Amino acid sequence: MPSNIMSTTWNQPSQDALVKSLWPLYPSEDEATNTSQLRHRLNLLQAWFGDLTDTSKHLQDASILEIGCGQGDMTIPLAHFAGHVDAVDPAPLDYGSPFTLGQAQAQLSKHFGDKIRWIQQDPMDYVGSQKISHSAPDIVVLAHSIFYFASEEYLFNLFRELHTLGSSHPSGSVKLVIAEWGMRATNPAAEAHVLAAKAQGPNPLPDGNVRLVVTPEEMQRIAADGGWKLAKEHWIESPELDDGQWEVVLARETRRDGEEAPLLDEMERAVKKLEGKRVAAMDVWTAVFTF
């Protein structure tokens, strides 16, 4: 049955050892940011598959399709555990700061070699090509990538095409695992993050992180329309992530001449309430879908 249990981490000692061994793979030398982002991705794996031992069993020898890999924050633990990762992202290789996608991906390739295949292509086009060759992965991963999509229509079409692709798998089915900002703040310090995301939705910034704002309920509906069934859901609270702070800064660059104006005003009031303390990251919703 679906679960609303909030978690921040599992199996701390084993996580600590893994974080220590993997965080140096990031191109940046910012240990605090790298470790918090990596620990969050390990928490996602454990929300989907169980503790790290169970995660290893689930992913060993598995073929993974990661959609929206970006600079590889999720690709790192996936490649560590899985047999192979096809990491797809349409963004240009010179996108990103302070390190570009190309630089980050090259760094990871030095360590993981051909365990990762980087694919610069629109996800719909890539999935279409795999349908032709009947090359279905074992697991499809969308980790903090849905907010980058252009529209709900695109998301629906992607879910539908992934379902068709999964039907060609020898088992007759694949797993679809999702993690995305849940548009709710259990921690009051994260309210500004929720408002920053809402404010960017109507007029997305050209290089921003928020183009499509959808709630977990909306994602479930769209996935169901595309043929997927919710098998499990889990909420994670990760206030230590810097994403809330980053999105508030970006939201301040948006136009204030439409429906976003009152949201931006409300965001600033939420920031002011913190009295100089950092903006926390909002809750993260995770889910596992099957046929």
C-alpha atoms as a PDB file:
ATOM      1  CA  MET A   1       0.000   0.000   0.000  1.00  0.00           C
ATOM      2  CA  PRO A   2       1.191   3.575  -0.589  1.00  0.00           C
ATOM      3  CA  SER A   3       3.039   5.131   2.328  1.00  0.00           C
ATOM      4  CA  ASN A   4       3.300   8.703   3.571  1.00  0.00           C
ATOM      5  CA  ILE A   5       6.116   7.985   6.017  1.00  0.00           C
ATOM      6  CA  MET A   6       8.721  10.729   6.075  1.00  0.00           C
ATOM      7  CA  SER A   7      12.352   9.654   6.110  1.00  0.00           C
ATOM      8  CA  THR A   8      15.636  11.495   5.914  1.00  0.00           C
ATOM      9  CA  THR A   9      18.117   8.633   5.756  1.00  0.00           C
ATOM     10  CA  TRP A  10      18.486   4.886   6.159  1.00  0.00           C
ATOM     11  CA  ASN A  11      21.337   2.747   7.440  1.00  0.00           C
ATOM     12  CA  GLN A  12      23.586   5.692   8.293  1.00  0.00           C
ATOM     13  CA  PRO A  13      26.936   3.859   8.791  1.00  0.00           C
ATOM     14  CA  SER A  14      26.853   2.108   5.410  1.00  0.00           C
ATOM     15  CA  GLN A  15      25.664   5.313   3.750  1.00  0.00           C
ATOM     16  CA  ASP A  16      28.540   7.271   5.274  1.00  0.00           C
ATOM     17  CA  ALA A  17      31.104   4.858   3.857  1.00  0.00           C
ATOM     18  CA  LEU A  18      29.564   4.965   0.392  1.00  0.00           C
ATOM     19  CA  VAL A  19      29.273   8.759   0.384  1.00  0.00           C
ATOM     20  CA  LYS A  20      32.920   9.041   1.376  1.00  0.00           C
ATOM     21  CA  SER A  21      33.997   6.827  -1.520  1.00  0.00           C
ATOM     22  CA  LEU A  22      31.756   8.363  -4.201  1.00  0.00           C
ATOM     23  CA  TRP A  23      31.589  12.108  -3.577  1.00  0.00           C
ATOM     24  CA  PRO A  24      35.115  12.767  -4.999  1.00  0.00           C
ATOM     25  CA  LEU A  25      33.728  11.713  -8.409  1.00  0.00           C
ATOM     26  CA  TYR A  26      31.919  15.051  -8.673  1.00  0.00           C
ATOM     27  CA  PRO A  27      33.812  17.639 -10.754  1.00  0.00           C
ATOM     28  CA  SER A  28      33.286  20.248  -8.036  1.00  0.00           C
ATOM     29  CA  GLU A  29      35.429  20.189  -4.897  1.00  0.00           C
ATOM     30  CA  ASP A  30      32.576  21.516  -2.733  1.00  0.00           C
ATOM     31  CA  GLU A  31      32.439  18.589  -0.327  1.00  0.00           C
ATOM     32  CA  ALA A  32      29.439  19.840   1.672  1.00  0.00           C
ATOM     33  CA  THR A  33      27.217  20.288  -1.395  1.00  0.00           C
ATOM     34  CA  ASN A  34      28.411  17.112  -3.077  1.00  0.00           C
ATOM     35  CA  THR A  35      27.874  14.933  -0.028  1.00  0.00           C
ATOM     36  CA  SER A  36      24.386  16.312   0.670  1.00  0.00           C
ATOM     37  CA  GLN A  37      23.319  15.796  -2.953  1.00  0.00           C
ATOM     38  CA  LEU A  38      24.810  12.291  -3.052  1.00  0.00           C
ATOM     39  CA  ARG A  39      23.272  11.288   0.269  1.00  0.00           C
ATOM     40  CA  HIS A  40      19.902  12.448  -1.024  1.00  0.00           C
ATOM     41  CA  ARG A  41      20.263  10.248  -4.123  1.00  0.00           C
ATOM     42  CA  LEU A  42      21.124   7.268  -1.944  1.00  0.00           C
ATOM     43  CA  ASN A  43      17.976   7.989   0.061  1.00  0.00           C
ATOM     44  CA  LEU A  44      16.015   7.914  -3.189  1.00  0.00           C
ATOM     45  CA  LEU A  45      17.419   4.495  -4.051  1.00  0.00           C
ATOM     46  CA  GLN A  46      16.439   3.188  -0.638  1.00  0.00           C
ATOM     47  CA  ALA A  47      12.941   4.651  -0.918  1.00  0.00           C
ATOM     48  CA  TRP A  48      12.522   2.774  -4.205  1.00  0.00           C
ATOM     49  CA  PHE A  49      14.320  -0.501  -3.478  1.00  0.00           C
ATOM     50  CA  GLY A  50      14.948  -0.891   0.262  1.00  0.00           C
ATOM     51  CA  ASP A  51      18.198  -0.567   2.200  1.00  0.00           C
ATOM     52  CA  LEU A  52      21.554  -0.491   0.432  1.00  0.00           C
ATOM     53  CA  THR A  53      21.836  -4.282   0.518  1.00  0.00           C
ATOM     54  CA  ASP A  54      18.425  -4.638  -1.125  1.00  0.00           C
ATOM     55  CA  THR A  55      19.299  -1.860  -3.576  1.00  0.00           C
ATOM     56  CA  SER A  56      22.420  -3.742  -4.601  1.00  0.00           C
ATOM     57  CA  LYS A  57      20.392  -6.921  -5.178  1.00  0.00           C
ATOM     58  CA  HIS A  58      17.755  -5.073  -7.219  1.00  0.00           C
ATOM     59  CA  LEU A  59      20.229  -3.230  -9.417  1.00  0.00           C
ATOM     60  CA  GLN A  60      23.002  -5.791  -9.831  1.00  0.00           C
ATOM     61  CA  ASP A  61      23.273  -6.599 -13.547  1.00  0.00           C
ATOM     62  CA  ALA A  62      20.190  -4.431 -14.246  1.00  0.00           C
ATOM     63  CA  SER A  63      19.965  -2.187 -17.281  1.00  0.00           C
ATOM     64  CA  ILE A  64      18.864   1.317 -16.326  1.00  0.00           C
ATOM     65  CA  LEU A  65      17.403   4.082 -18.459  1.00  0.00           C
ATOM     66  CA  GLU A  66      17.876   7.390 -16.653  1.00  0.00           C
ATOM     67  CA  ILE A  67      15.912  10.247 -18.192  1.00  0.00           C
ATOM     68  CA  GLY A  68      17.205  13.725 -17.433  1.00  0.00           C
ATOM     69  CA  CYS A  69      20.631  12.751 -16.113  1.00  0.00           C
ATOM     70  CA  GLY A  70      22.054  16.287 -16.162  1.00  0.00           C
ATOM     71  CA  GLN A  71      25.504  16.411 -14.607  1.00  0.00           C
ATOM     72  CA  GLY A  72      25.137  12.918 -13.182  1.00  0.00           C
ATOM     73  CA  ASP A  73      24.044  13.440  -9.575  1.00  0.00           C
ATOM     74  CA  MET A  74      21.798  10.364  -9.787  1.00  0.00           C
ATOM     75  CA  THR A  75      23.939   8.595 -12.374  1.00  0.00           C
ATOM     76  CA  ILE A  76      26.789   8.179  -9.879  1.00  0.00           C
ATOM     77  CA  PRO A  77      24.972   5.854  -7.435  1.00  0.00           C
ATOM     78  CA  LEU A  78      23.076   4.170 -10.277  1.00  0.00           C
ATOM     79  CA  ALA A  79      26.310   3.276 -12.060  1.00  0.00           C
ATOM     80  CA  HIS A  80      27.857   2.149  -8.776  1.00  0.00           C
ATOM     81  CA  PHE A  81      25.102  -0.415  -8.184  1.00  0.00           C
ATOM     82  CA  ALA A  82      23.761  -1.273 -11.645  1.00  0.00           C
ATOM     83  CA  GLY A  83      25.087  -3.278 -14.540  1.00  0.00           C
ATOM     84  CA  HIS A  84      24.647  -0.509 -17.119  1.00  0.00           C
ATOM     85  CA  VAL A  85      23.102   2.967 -17.321  1.00  0.00           C
ATOM     86  CA  ASP A  86      21.846   4.708 -20.442  1.00  0.00           C
ATOM     87  CA  ALA A  87      21.836   8.335 -19.283  1.00  0.00           C
ATOM     88  CA  VAL A  88      19.705  10.570 -21.515  1.00  0.00           C
ATOM     89  CA  ASP A  89      19.548  14.361 -21.482  1.00  0.00           C
ATOM     90  CA  PRO A  90      18.758  16.774 -24.332  1.00  0.00           C
ATOM     91  CA  ALA A  91      20.650  19.725 -22.839  1.00  0.00           C
ATOM     92  CA  PRO A  92      23.724  21.024 -24.704  1.00  0.00           C
ATOM     93  CA  LEU A  93      27.016  19.821 -23.290  1.00  0.00           C
ATOM     94  CA  ASP A  94      28.055  23.404 -22.506  1.00  0.00           C
ATOM     95  CA  TYR A  95      25.012  23.854 -20.227  1.00  0.00           C
ATOM     96  CA  GLY A  96      25.574  24.137 -16.494  1.00  0.00           C
ATOM     97  CA  SER A  97      27.661  26.013 -13.965  1.00  0.00           C
ATOM     98  CA  PRO A  98      30.259  26.040 -12.480  1.00  0.00           C
ATOM     99  CA  PHE A  99      30.901  22.849 -14.480  1.00  0.00           C
ATOM    100  CA  THR A 100      29.145  22.003 -17.731  1.00  0.00           C
ATOM    101  CA  LEU A 101      27.327  18.764 -18.498  1.00  0.00           C
ATOM    102  CA  GLY A 102      30.144  17.781 -20.822  1.00  0.00           C
ATOM    103  CA  GLN A 103      32.812  18.294 -18.162  1.00  0.00           C
ATOM    104  CA  ALA A 104      30.844  16.436 -15.495  1.00  0.00           C
ATOM    105  CA  GLN A 105      30.020  13.523 -17.779  1.00  0.00           C
ATOM    106  CA  ALA A 106      33.630  13.225 -18.937  1.00  0.00           C
ATOM    107  CA  GLN A 107      34.758  13.080 -15.314  1.00  0.00           C
ATOM    108  CA  LEU A 108      32.350  10.246 -14.520  1.00  0.00           C
ATOM    109  CA  SER A 109      33.327   8.327 -17.650  1.00  0.00           C
ATOM    110  CA  LYS A 110      36.924   8.224 -16.416  1.00  0.00           C
ATOM    111  CA  HIS A 111      35.740   6.253 -13.386  1.00  0.00           C
ATOM    112  CA  PHE A 112      32.835   4.170 -14.705  1.00  0.00           C
ATOM    113  CA  GLY A 113      33.945   3.652 -18.304  1.00  0.00           C
ATOM    114  CA  ASP A 114      31.365   1.965 -20.509  1.00  0.00           C
ATOM    115  CA  LYS A 115      29.016   1.264 -17.580  1.00  0.00           C
ATOM    116  CA  ILE A 116      27.487   4.628 -18.545  1.00  0.00           C
ATOM    117  CA  ARG A 117      26.396   5.539 -22.050  1.00  0.00           C
ATOM    118  CA  TRP A 118      25.731   9.277 -22.298  1.00  0.00           C
ATOM    119  CA  ILE A 119      23.022  10.159 -24.822  1.00  0.00           C
ATOM    120  CA  GLN A 120      22.377  13.783 -25.806  1.00  0.00           C
ATOM    121  CA  GLN A 121      18.896  13.397 -27.262  1.00  0.00           C
ATOM    122  CA  ASP A 122      15.293  14.294 -26.572  1.00  0.00           C
ATOM    123  CA  PRO A 123      13.907  11.523 -24.325  1.00  0.00           C
ATOM    124  CA  MET A 124      10.892  10.953 -26.588  1.00  0.00           C
ATOM    125  CA  ASP A 125      13.132  10.487 -29.622  1.00  0.00           C
ATOM    126  CA  TYR A 126      15.402   8.111 -27.725  1.00  0.00           C
ATOM    127  CA  VAL A 127      12.524   6.004 -26.393  1.00  0.00           C
ATOM    128  CA  GLY A 128      11.099   5.865 -29.919  1.00  0.00           C
ATOM    129  CA  SER A 129      14.388   4.503 -31.259  1.00  0.00           C
ATOM    130  CA  GLN A 130      14.480   1.861 -28.525  1.00  0.00           C
ATOM    131  CA  LYS A 131      10.917   0.800 -29.372  1.00  0.00           C
ATOM    132  CA  ILE A 132      12.042   0.029 -32.910  1.00  0.00           C
ATOM    133  CA  SER A 133      14.897  -2.169 -31.672  1.00  0.00           C
ATOM    134  CA  HIS A 134      12.827  -3.633 -28.789  1.00  0.00           C
ATOM    135  CA  SER A 135      15.593  -2.636 -26.358  1.00  0.00           C
ATOM    136  CA  ALA A 136      13.637  -2.200 -23.142  1.00  0.00           C
ATOM    137  CA  PRO A 137      15.571  -1.478 -19.928  1.00  0.00           C
ATOM    138  CA  ASP A 138      14.841  -3.223 -16.651  1.00  0.00           C
ATOM    139  CA  ILE A 139      14.210   0.044 -14.794  1.00  0.00           C
ATOM    140  CA  VAL A 140      13.419   3.604 -15.896  1.00  0.00           C
ATOM    141  CA  VAL A 141      14.546   6.395 -13.557  1.00  0.00           C
ATOM    142  CA  LEU A 142      13.294   9.981 -13.465  1.00  0.00           C
ATOM    143  CA  ALA A 143      15.006  11.678 -10.529  1.00  0.00           C
ATOM    144  CA  HIS A 144      14.312  15.411 -10.238  1.00  0.00           C
ATOM    145  CA  SER A 145      13.875  15.702 -14.004  1.00  0.00           C
ATOM    146  CA  ILE A 146      10.108  16.064 -14.510  1.00  0.00           C
ATOM    147  CA  PHE A 147      10.118  19.778 -13.617  1.00  0.00           C
ATOM    148  CA  TYR A 148      12.363  20.339 -16.670  1.00  0.00           C
ATOM    149  CA  PHE A 149       9.774  19.019 -19.142  1.00  0.00           C
ATOM    150  CA  ALA A 150       7.856  21.404 -21.379  1.00  0.00           C
ATOM    151  CA  SER A 151       4.286  20.400 -20.542  1.00  0.00           C
ATOM    152  CA  GLU A 152       1.942  17.845 -19.012  1.00  0.00           C
ATOM    153  CA  GLU A 153       1.230  16.650 -22.549  1.00  0.00           C
ATOM    154  CA  TYR A 154       4.916  15.844 -23.046  1.00  0.00           C
ATOM    155  CA  LEU A 155       5.003  13.979 -19.730  1.00  0.00           C
ATOM    156  CA  PHE A 156       1.916  11.953 -20.664  1.00  0.00           C
ATOM    157  CA  ASN A 157       3.343  11.065 -24.077  1.00  0.00           C
ATOM    158  CA  LEU A 158       6.625  10.034 -22.471  1.00  0.00           C
ATOM    159  CA  PHE A 159       4.876   7.810 -19.921  1.00  0.00           C
ATOM    160  CA  ARG A 160       2.806   6.229 -22.692  1.00  0.00           C
ATOM    161  CA  GLU A 161       5.847   5.592 -24.895  1.00  0.00           C
ATOM    162  CA  LEU A 162       7.769   4.133 -21.952  1.00  0.00           C
ATOM    163  CA  HIS A 163       4.844   1.797 -21.263  1.00  0.00           C
ATOM    164  CA  THR A 164       4.881   0.629 -24.875  1.00  0.00           C
ATOM    165  CA  LEU A 165       8.654   0.134 -24.724  1.00  0.00           C
ATOM    166  CA  GLY A 166       8.365  -1.775 -21.450  1.00  0.00           C
ATOM    167  CA  SER A 167       5.880  -4.162 -23.014  1.00  0.00           C
ATOM    168  CA  SER A 168       8.696  -5.505 -25.197  1.00  0.00           C
ATOM    169  CA  HIS A 169      10.776  -6.509 -22.154  1.00  0.00           C
ATOM    170  CA  PRO A 170      11.212 -10.302 -21.832  1.00  0.00           C
ATOM    171  CA  SER A 171       9.378 -10.173 -18.496  1.00  0.00           C
ATOM    172  CA  GLY A 172       6.534  -8.202 -20.061  1.00  0.00           C
ATOM    173  CA  SER A 173       7.043  -5.254 -17.736  1.00  0.00           C
ATOM    174  CA  VAL A 174       9.587  -2.774 -16.397  1.00  0.00           C
ATOM    175  CA  LYS A 175       9.712  -0.616 -13.279  1.00  0.00           C
ATOM    176  CA  LEU A 176       9.321   3.150 -13.498  1.00  0.00           C
ATOM    177  CA  VAL A 177      10.764   4.960 -10.471  1.00  0.00           C
ATOM    178  CA  ILE A 178      10.255   8.663  -9.875  1.00  0.00           C
ATOM    179  CA  ALA A 179      11.519  11.271  -7.433  1.00  0.00           C
ATOM    180  CA  GLU A 180      10.398  14.878  -7.632  1.00  0.00           C
ATOM    181  CA  TRP A 181       9.817  17.913  -5.462  1.00  0.00           C
ATOM    182  CA  GLY A 182       6.480  17.247  -3.758  1.00  0.00           C
ATOM    183  CA  MET A 183       5.212  20.864  -3.654  1.00  0.00           C
ATOM    184  CA  ARG A 184       4.693  20.692   0.103  1.00  0.00           C
ATOM    185  CA  ALA A 185       6.771  21.840   3.062  1.00  0.00           C
ATOM    186  CA  THR A 186       6.631  19.832   6.281  1.00  0.00           C
ATOM    187  CA  ASN A 187       9.431  22.104   7.496  1.00  0.00           C
ATOM    188  CA  PRO A 188       8.214  25.747   7.637  1.00  0.00           C
ATOM    189  CA  ALA A 189      11.688  26.844   6.528  1.00  0.00           C
ATOM    190  CA  ALA A 190      10.990  25.184   3.157  1.00  0.00           C
ATOM    191  CA  GLU A 191       7.818  27.145   2.379  1.00  0.00           C
ATOM    192  CA  ALA A 192       9.813  29.674   0.340  1.00  0.00           C
ATOM    193  CA  HIS A 193      11.089  26.825  -1.863  1.00  0.00           C
ATOM    194  CA  VAL A 194       7.520  25.754  -2.671  1.00  0.00           C
ATOM    195  CA  LEU A 195       6.549  29.338  -3.519  1.00  0.00           C
ATOM    196  CA  ALA A 196       9.687  29.852  -5.626  1.00  0.00           C
ATOM    197  CA  ALA A 197       8.791  26.824  -7.743  1.00  0.00           C
ATOM    198  CA  LYS A 198       5.177  27.959  -8.137  1.00  0.00           C
ATOM    199  CA  ALA A 199       6.303  31.442  -9.170  1.00  0.00           C
ATOM    200  CA  GLN A 200       8.586  30.123 -11.916  1.00  0.00           C
ATOM    201  CA  GLY A 201       5.925  27.890 -13.479  1.00  0.00           C
ATOM    202  CA  PRO A 202       3.953  30.537 -15.444  1.00  0.00           C
ATOM    203  CA  ASN A 203       7.063  32.123 -17.026  1.00  0.00           C
ATOM    204  CA  PRO A 204      10.006  29.702 -16.821  1.00  0.00           C
ATOM    205  CA  LEU A 205      13.494  31.154 -16.968  1.00  0.00           C
ATOM    206  CA  PRO A 206      15.428  30.125 -20.113  1.00  0.00           C
ATOM    207  CA  ASP A 207      18.150  28.438 -18.043  1.00  0.00           C
ATOM    208  CA  GLY A 208      16.042  27.687 -14.981  1.00  0.00           C
ATOM    209  CA  ASN A 209      15.298  24.393 -13.263  1.00  0.00           C
ATOM    210  CA  VAL A 210      11.507  24.763 -13.227  1.00  0.00           C
ATOM    211  CA  ARG A 211       9.424  24.596 -16.389  1.00  0.00           C
ATOM    212  CA  LEU A 212       6.609  22.228 -15.417  1.00  0.00           C
ATOM    213  CA  VAL A 213       5.167  22.357 -11.905  1.00  0.00           C
ATOM    214  CA  VAL A 214       3.131  19.234 -11.147  1.00  0.00           C
ATOM    215  CA  THR A 215       2.013  17.785  -7.837  1.00  0.00           C
ATOM    216  CA  PRO A 216       2.362  14.115  -6.888  1.00  0.00           C
ATOM    217  CA  GLU A 217      -1.382  13.690  -7.417  1.00  0.00           C
ATOM    218  CA  GLU A 218      -1.072  15.091 -10.935  1.00  0.00           C
ATOM    219  CA  MET A 219       1.929  12.874 -11.694  1.00  0.00           C
ATOM    220  CA  GLN A 220      -0.013   9.811 -10.535  1.00  0.00           C
ATOM    221  CA  ARG A 221      -2.938  10.746 -12.760  1.00  0.00           C
ATOM    222  CA  ILE A 222      -0.739  11.329 -15.802  1.00  0.00           C
ATOM    223  CA  ALA A 223       1.149   8.082 -15.193  1.00  0.00           C
ATOM    224  CA  ALA A 224      -2.124   6.152 -14.851  1.00  0.00           C
ATOM    225  CA  ASP A 225      -3.380   7.653 -18.109  1.00  0.00           C
ATOM    226  CA  GLY A 226      -0.151   6.408 -19.688  1.00  0.00           C
ATOM    227  CA  GLY A 227      -0.763   2.840 -18.499  1.00  0.00           C
ATOM    228  CA  TRP A 228       1.204   2.758 -15.228  1.00  0.00           C
ATOM    229  CA  LYS A 229       0.040   1.550 -11.811  1.00  0.00           C
ATOM    230  CA  LEU A 230       1.355   3.001  -8.560  1.00  0.00           C
ATOM    231  CA  ALA A 231       3.011   0.218  -6.555  1.00  0.00           C
ATOM    232  CA  LYS A 232       4.613   2.275  -3.784  1.00  0.00           C
ATOM    233  CA  GLU A 233       5.106   5.880  -2.726  1.00  0.00           C
ATOM    234  CA  HIS A 234       7.274   7.411  -0.036  1.00  0.00           C
ATOM    235  CA  TRP A 235       8.017  10.940   1.158  1.00  0.00           C
ATOM    236  CA  ILE A 236      11.512  12.127   2.041  1.00  0.00           C
ATOM    237  CA  GLU A 237      12.392  15.231   4.004  1.00  0.00           C
ATOM    238  CA  SER A 238      15.806  16.629   2.996  1.00  0.00           C
ATOM    239  CA  PRO A 239      15.977  20.187   4.375  1.00  0.00           C
ATOM    240  CA  GLU A 240      19.773  20.250   4.203  1.00  0.00           C
ATOM    241  CA  LEU A 241      19.803  20.373   0.397  1.00  0.00           C
ATOM    242  CA  ASP A 242      20.693  23.737  -1.145  1.00  0.00           C
ATOM    243  CA  ASP A 243      17.975  23.566  -3.815  1.00  0.00           C
ATOM    244  CA  GLY A 244      15.537  25.710  -1.839  1.00  0.00           C
ATOM    245  CA  GLN A 245      18.074  28.491  -1.531  1.00  0.00           C
ATOM    246  CA  TRP A 246      18.988  28.213  -5.232  1.00  0.00           C
ATOM    247  CA  GLU A 247      15.382  28.388  -6.424  1.00  0.00           C
ATOM    248  CA  VAL A 248      14.607  31.476  -4.346  1.00  0.00           C
ATOM    249  CA  VAL A 249      17.527  33.261  -6.014  1.00  0.00           C
ATOM    250  CA  LEU A 250      16.333  32.185  -9.470  1.00  0.00           C
ATOM    251  CA  ALA A 251      12.713  33.098  -8.755  1.00  0.00           C
ATOM    252  CA  ARG A 252      13.773  36.678  -8.101  1.00  0.00           C
ATOM    253  CA  GLU A 253      14.791  36.879 -11.771  1.00  0.00           C
ATOM    254  CA  THR A 254      11.275  36.103 -13.044  1.00  0.00           C
ATOM    255  CA  ARG A 255       8.864  38.737 -14.359  1.00  0.00           C
ATOM    256  CA  ARG A 256       6.400  40.258 -11.898  1.00  0.00           C
ATOM    257  CA  ASP A 257       3.646  41.240 -14.320  1.00  0.00           C
ATOM    258  CA  GLY A 258       1.310  38.268 -14.026  1.00  0.00           C
ATOM    259  CA  GLU A 259       0.065  35.552 -11.694  1.00  0.00           C
ATOM    260  CA  GLU A 260       3.589  35.055 -10.374  1.00  0.00           C
ATOM    261  CA  ALA A 261       3.695  38.508  -8.710  1.00  0.00           C
ATOM    262  CA  PRO A 262       1.673  37.603  -5.575  1.00  0.00           C
ATOM    263  CA  LEU A 263       3.587  34.318  -5.300  1.00  0.00           C
ATOM    264  CA  LEU A 264       6.885  36.191  -5.326  1.00  0.00           C
ATOM    265  CA  ASP A 265       5.603  38.578  -2.663  1.00  0.00           C
ATOM    266  CA  GLU A 266       4.529  35.615  -0.542  1.00  0.00           C
ATOM    267  CA  MET A 267       7.922  33.985  -1.119  1.00  0.00           C
ATOM    268  CA  GLU A 268       9.717  37.089   0.137  1.00  0.00           C
ATOM    269  CA  ARG A 269       7.533  37.138   3.255  1.00  0.00           C
ATOM    270  CA  ALA A 270       8.421  33.486   3.881  1.00  0.00           C
ATOM    271  CA  VAL A 271      12.122  34.295   3.514  1.00  0.00           C
ATOM    272  CA  LYS A 272      11.805  37.263   5.878  1.00  0.00           C
ATOM    273  CA  LYS A 273      10.243  35.028   8.536  1.00  0.00           C
ATOM    274  CA  LEU A 274      13.459  33.001   8.593  1.00  0.00           C
ATOM    275  CA  GLU A 275      15.338  36.026   9.974  1.00  0.00           C
ATOM    276  CA  GLY A 276      18.499  35.336   8.020  1.00  0.00           C
ATOM    277  CA  LYS A 277      18.431  31.549   8.329  1.00  0.00           C
ATOM    278  CA  ARG A 278      18.810  29.511   5.151  1.00  0.00           C
ATOM    279  CA  VAL A 279      15.849  28.381   3.066  1.00  0.00           C
ATOM    280  CA  ALA A 280      15.337  24.632   3.469  1.00  0.00           C
ATOM    281  CA  ALA A 281      14.434  22.280   0.625  1.00  0.00           C
ATOM    282  CA  MET A 282      10.823  21.141   0.344  1.00  0.00           C
ATOM    283  CA  ASP A 283       9.670  17.541   0.781  1.00  0.00           C
ATOM    284  CA  VAL A 284      10.469  15.053  -1.976  1.00  0.00           C
ATOM    285  CA  TRP A 285       7.925  12.552  -3.284  1.00  0.00           C
ATOM    286  CA  THR A 286       9.144   9.174  -4.528  1.00  0.00           C
ATOM    287  CA  ALA A 287       7.162   6.484  -6.299  1.00  0.00           C
ATOM    288  CA  VAL A 288       7.496   3.100  -7.964  1.00  0.00           C
ATOM    289  CA  PHE A 289       5.201   2.287 -10.884  1.00  0.00           C
ATOM    290  CA  THR A 290       4.628  -1.021 -12.657  1.00  0.00           C
ATOM    291  CA  PHE A 291       2.219  -2.314 -15.293  1.00  0.00           C
END
